Amino acid sequence: MAFRVRSSKFRHVFGNGAKKEQCYDNIKITKNAHDSNYCAVNPKFVAVVTESAGGGAFLLLPLERVKFRIFMSTAAI
């Protein structure tokens, strides 16, 4: 019995990981066990749900300012 692999037009496509200077650092995401979206992205911003008391807090981060360390004192919405 021969198995046949379905051909894909993406089999020769490879990506590169982002460099550290192109990433955000020190973001504490939520540890909530529910299946849900923890981030949302558009061409200008990324929104990330964060771990906080009281629930519902998220960070809104601009994509034009990467290499930006997130501090614990950063205001959450």
N, C-alpha and C. Protein backbone atom coordinates (compact mmCIF):
# COMPACT_ATOMS: atom_id res chain seq x y z
N MET A 1 0.84 -1.16 0.00
CA MET A 1 0.00 0.00 0.00
C MET A 1 0.90 1.24 0.00
N ALA A 2 0.87 1.98 -1.06
CA ALA A 2 1.72 3.16 -1.20
C ALA A 2 0.95 4.40 -0.75
N PHE A 3 1.62 5.19 0.09
CA PHE A 3 1.02 6.45 0.52
C PHE A 3 1.42 7.53 -0.48
N ARG A 4 0.49 8.36 -0.76
CA ARG A 4 0.75 9.42 -1.71
C ARG A 4 0.67 10.77 -0.99
N VAL A 5 1.70 11.56 -1.12
CA VAL A 5 1.75 12.86 -0.47
C VAL A 5 1.17 13.89 -1.42
N ARG A 6 0.27 14.66 -0.91
CA ARG A 6 -0.36 15.70 -1.72
C ARG A 6 0.66 16.80 -2.00
N SER A 7 0.77 17.21 -3.23
CA SER A 7 1.72 18.26 -3.57
C SER A 7 1.17 19.62 -3.13
N SER A 8 2.07 20.48 -2.73
CA SER A 8 1.70 21.80 -2.26
C SER A 8 2.55 22.84 -2.97
N LYS A 9 1.95 23.96 -3.30
CA LYS A 9 2.72 25.02 -3.93
C LYS A 9 3.59 25.76 -2.93
N PHE A 10 3.45 25.47 -1.64
CA PHE A 10 4.23 26.13 -0.59
C PHE A 10 5.34 25.26 -0.03
N ARG A 11 5.64 24.14 -0.63
CA ARG A 11 6.62 23.22 -0.05
C ARG A 11 8.05 23.73 -0.10
N HIS A 12 8.35 24.68 -0.96
CA HIS A 12 9.70 25.22 -1.05
C HIS A 12 9.80 26.64 -0.48
N VAL A 13 8.82 27.05 0.30
CA VAL A 13 8.81 28.38 0.89
C VAL A 13 9.33 28.29 2.32
N PHE A 14 10.34 29.06 2.63
CA PHE A 14 10.92 29.07 3.97
C PHE A 14 10.93 30.49 4.49
N GLY A 15 10.79 30.64 5.78
CA GLY A 15 10.81 31.96 6.41
C GLY A 15 12.02 32.11 7.31
N ASN A 16 12.31 33.34 7.67
CA ASN A 16 13.38 33.64 8.61
C ASN A 16 12.78 34.22 9.88
N GLY A 17 13.33 33.85 11.01
CA GLY A 17 12.88 34.40 12.28
C GLY A 17 13.28 35.86 12.40
N ALA A 18 12.49 36.61 13.14
CA ALA A 18 12.80 38.04 13.33
C ALA A 18 14.00 38.21 14.24
N LYS A 19 14.78 39.23 13.99
CA LYS A 19 15.94 39.54 14.81
C LYS A 19 15.48 40.21 16.10
N LYS A 20 16.33 40.19 17.12
CA LYS A 20 15.97 40.74 18.41
C LYS A 20 15.65 42.23 18.34
N GLU A 21 16.33 42.95 17.46
CA GLU A 21 16.05 44.38 17.35
C GLU A 21 14.76 44.67 16.59
N GLN A 22 14.08 43.65 16.10
CA GLN A 22 12.81 43.83 15.42
C GLN A 22 11.66 43.25 16.24
N CYS A 23 11.87 43.03 17.53
CA CYS A 23 10.87 42.38 18.39
C CYS A 23 10.59 43.21 19.64
N TYR A 24 9.42 43.00 20.20
CA TYR A 24 9.10 43.54 21.52
C TYR A 24 9.63 42.57 22.55
N ASP A 25 9.91 43.08 23.76
CA ASP A 25 10.51 42.25 24.80
C ASP A 25 9.78 42.49 26.12
N ASN A 26 9.72 41.47 26.96
CA ASN A 26 9.20 41.56 28.33
C ASN A 26 7.70 41.81 28.38
N ILE A 27 6.93 41.15 27.53
CA ILE A 27 5.47 41.26 27.57
C ILE A 27 4.93 40.06 28.32
N LYS A 28 4.21 40.31 29.40
CA LYS A 28 3.60 39.25 30.20
C LYS A 28 2.19 38.99 29.67
N ILE A 29 2.05 37.94 28.85
CA ILE A 29 0.73 37.63 28.30
C ILE A 29 -0.09 36.88 29.34
N THR A 30 -1.37 36.81 29.12
CA THR A 30 -2.27 36.19 30.07
C THR A 30 -2.05 34.69 30.15
N LYS A 31 -2.37 34.12 31.31
CA LYS A 31 -2.29 32.67 31.51
C LYS A 31 -3.68 32.06 31.57
N ASN A 32 -4.63 32.78 31.03
CA ASN A 32 -6.02 32.33 31.02
C ASN A 32 -6.14 31.05 30.20
N ALA A 33 -6.89 30.10 30.72
CA ALA A 33 -7.00 28.79 30.08
C ALA A 33 -8.05 28.75 28.97
N HIS A 34 -8.83 29.79 28.80
CA HIS A 34 -9.88 29.78 27.79
C HIS A 34 -9.28 29.87 26.39
N ASP A 35 -9.94 29.22 25.46
CA ASP A 35 -9.51 29.32 24.06
C ASP A 35 -10.01 30.65 23.51
N SER A 36 -9.08 31.54 23.28
CA SER A 36 -9.46 32.83 22.73
C SER A 36 -8.26 33.47 22.06
N ASN A 37 -8.48 34.62 21.47
CA ASN A 37 -7.39 35.35 20.81
C ASN A 37 -6.64 36.18 21.84
N TYR A 38 -5.34 36.04 21.87
CA TYR A 38 -4.52 36.79 22.81
C TYR A 38 -3.89 38.01 22.16
N CYS A 39 -4.01 38.14 20.86
CA CYS A 39 -3.48 39.33 20.19
C CYS A 39 -4.29 39.61 18.94
N ALA A 40 -4.18 40.85 18.50
CA ALA A 40 -4.80 41.29 17.25
C ALA A 40 -3.85 42.28 16.60
N VAL A 41 -3.75 42.22 15.28
CA VAL A 41 -2.78 43.04 14.56
C VAL A 41 -3.45 43.72 13.38
N ASN A 42 -3.08 44.98 13.16
CA ASN A 42 -3.44 45.66 11.94
C ASN A 42 -2.17 46.32 11.40
N PRO A 43 -2.20 47.02 10.30
CA PRO A 43 -0.95 47.57 9.74
C PRO A 43 -0.22 48.59 10.63
N LYS A 44 -0.88 49.15 11.65
CA LYS A 44 -0.24 50.16 12.49
C LYS A 44 0.05 49.71 13.92
N PHE A 45 -0.78 48.82 14.48
CA PHE A 45 -0.68 48.47 15.89
C PHE A 45 -0.80 46.96 16.11
N VAL A 46 -0.30 46.52 17.28
CA VAL A 46 -0.56 45.17 17.76
C VAL A 46 -1.13 45.31 19.17
N ALA A 47 -2.19 44.56 19.45
CA ALA A 47 -2.82 44.57 20.77
C ALA A 47 -2.60 43.20 21.39
N VAL A 48 -2.14 43.18 22.66
CA VAL A 48 -1.83 41.93 23.34
C VAL A 48 -2.56 41.90 24.68
N VAL A 49 -3.28 40.82 24.97
CA VAL A 49 -3.94 40.66 26.25
C VAL A 49 -2.88 40.33 27.29
N THR A 50 -2.89 41.05 28.42
CA THR A 50 -1.84 40.90 29.42
C THR A 50 -2.39 40.28 30.71
N GLU A 51 -1.48 39.77 31.51
CA GLU A 51 -1.81 39.21 32.82
C GLU A 51 -2.00 40.37 33.79
N SER A 52 -3.20 40.49 34.38
CA SER A 52 -3.45 41.57 35.33
C SER A 52 -4.59 41.17 36.26
N ALA A 53 -4.61 41.79 37.40
CA ALA A 53 -5.70 41.57 38.34
C ALA A 53 -6.92 42.34 37.85
N GLY A 54 -8.07 41.74 37.93
CA GLY A 54 -9.28 42.41 37.48
C GLY A 54 -9.68 42.04 36.07
N GLY A 55 -8.75 41.55 35.27
CA GLY A 55 -9.06 41.06 33.94
C GLY A 55 -9.36 42.14 32.93
N GLY A 56 -9.25 41.77 31.67
CA GLY A 56 -9.61 42.65 30.58
C GLY A 56 -8.56 43.64 30.14
N ALA A 57 -7.36 43.61 30.74
CA ALA A 57 -6.34 44.59 30.37
C ALA A 57 -5.58 44.12 29.13
N PHE A 58 -5.19 45.09 28.30
CA PHE A 58 -4.38 44.77 27.13
C PHE A 58 -3.45 45.93 26.82
N LEU A 59 -2.39 45.63 26.08
CA LEU A 59 -1.43 46.64 25.64
C LEU A 59 -1.66 46.91 24.17
N LEU A 60 -1.59 48.16 23.79
CA LEU A 60 -1.68 48.57 22.40
C LEU A 60 -0.33 49.13 22.01
N LEU A 61 0.40 48.41 21.15
CA LEU A 61 1.78 48.74 20.83
C LEU A 61 1.91 49.15 19.36
N PRO A 62 2.59 50.26 19.07
CA PRO A 62 2.77 50.68 17.68
C PRO A 62 3.81 49.81 16.98
N LEU A 63 3.55 49.45 15.73
CA LEU A 63 4.48 48.62 14.98
C LEU A 63 5.67 49.39 14.44
N GLU A 64 5.57 50.72 14.35
CA GLU A 64 6.71 51.49 13.84
C GLU A 64 7.81 51.64 14.89
N ARG A 65 7.53 51.36 16.16
CA ARG A 65 8.55 51.48 17.21
C ARG A 65 8.88 50.11 17.79
N VAL A 66 9.44 49.24 16.99
CA VAL A 66 9.92 47.98 17.52
C VAL A 66 11.26 48.22 18.19
N LYS A 67 11.82 47.20 18.78
CA LYS A 67 12.99 47.33 19.66
C LYS A 67 12.61 48.21 20.84
N PHE A 68 11.50 47.87 21.42
CA PHE A 68 10.91 48.64 22.49
C PHE A 68 10.68 47.70 23.66
N ARG A 69 11.38 47.90 24.76
CA ARG A 69 11.22 47.03 25.93
C ARG A 69 9.99 47.47 26.71
N ILE A 70 9.13 46.53 27.00
CA ILE A 70 7.91 46.82 27.74
C ILE A 70 8.20 46.71 29.23
N PHE A 71 7.97 47.76 29.96
CA PHE A 71 8.19 47.77 31.41
C PHE A 71 6.90 47.46 32.13
N MET A 72 7.00 46.96 33.32
CA MET A 72 5.82 46.60 34.10
C MET A 72 4.94 47.82 34.40
N SER A 73 5.51 49.02 34.37
CA SER A 73 4.75 50.23 34.65
C SER A 73 4.04 50.78 33.41
N THR A 74 4.15 50.10 32.28
CA THR A 74 3.49 50.54 31.05
C THR A 74 1.97 50.51 31.25
N ALA A 75 1.31 51.58 30.84
CA ALA A 75 -0.12 51.68 31.04
C ALA A 75 -0.86 50.67 30.18
N ALA A 76 -1.77 49.95 30.80
CA ALA A 76 -2.62 48.99 30.09
C ALA A 76 -3.99 49.61 29.92
N ILE A 77 -4.66 49.24 28.85
CA ILE A 77 -5.99 49.77 28.56
C ILE A 77 -7.01 48.79 29.09
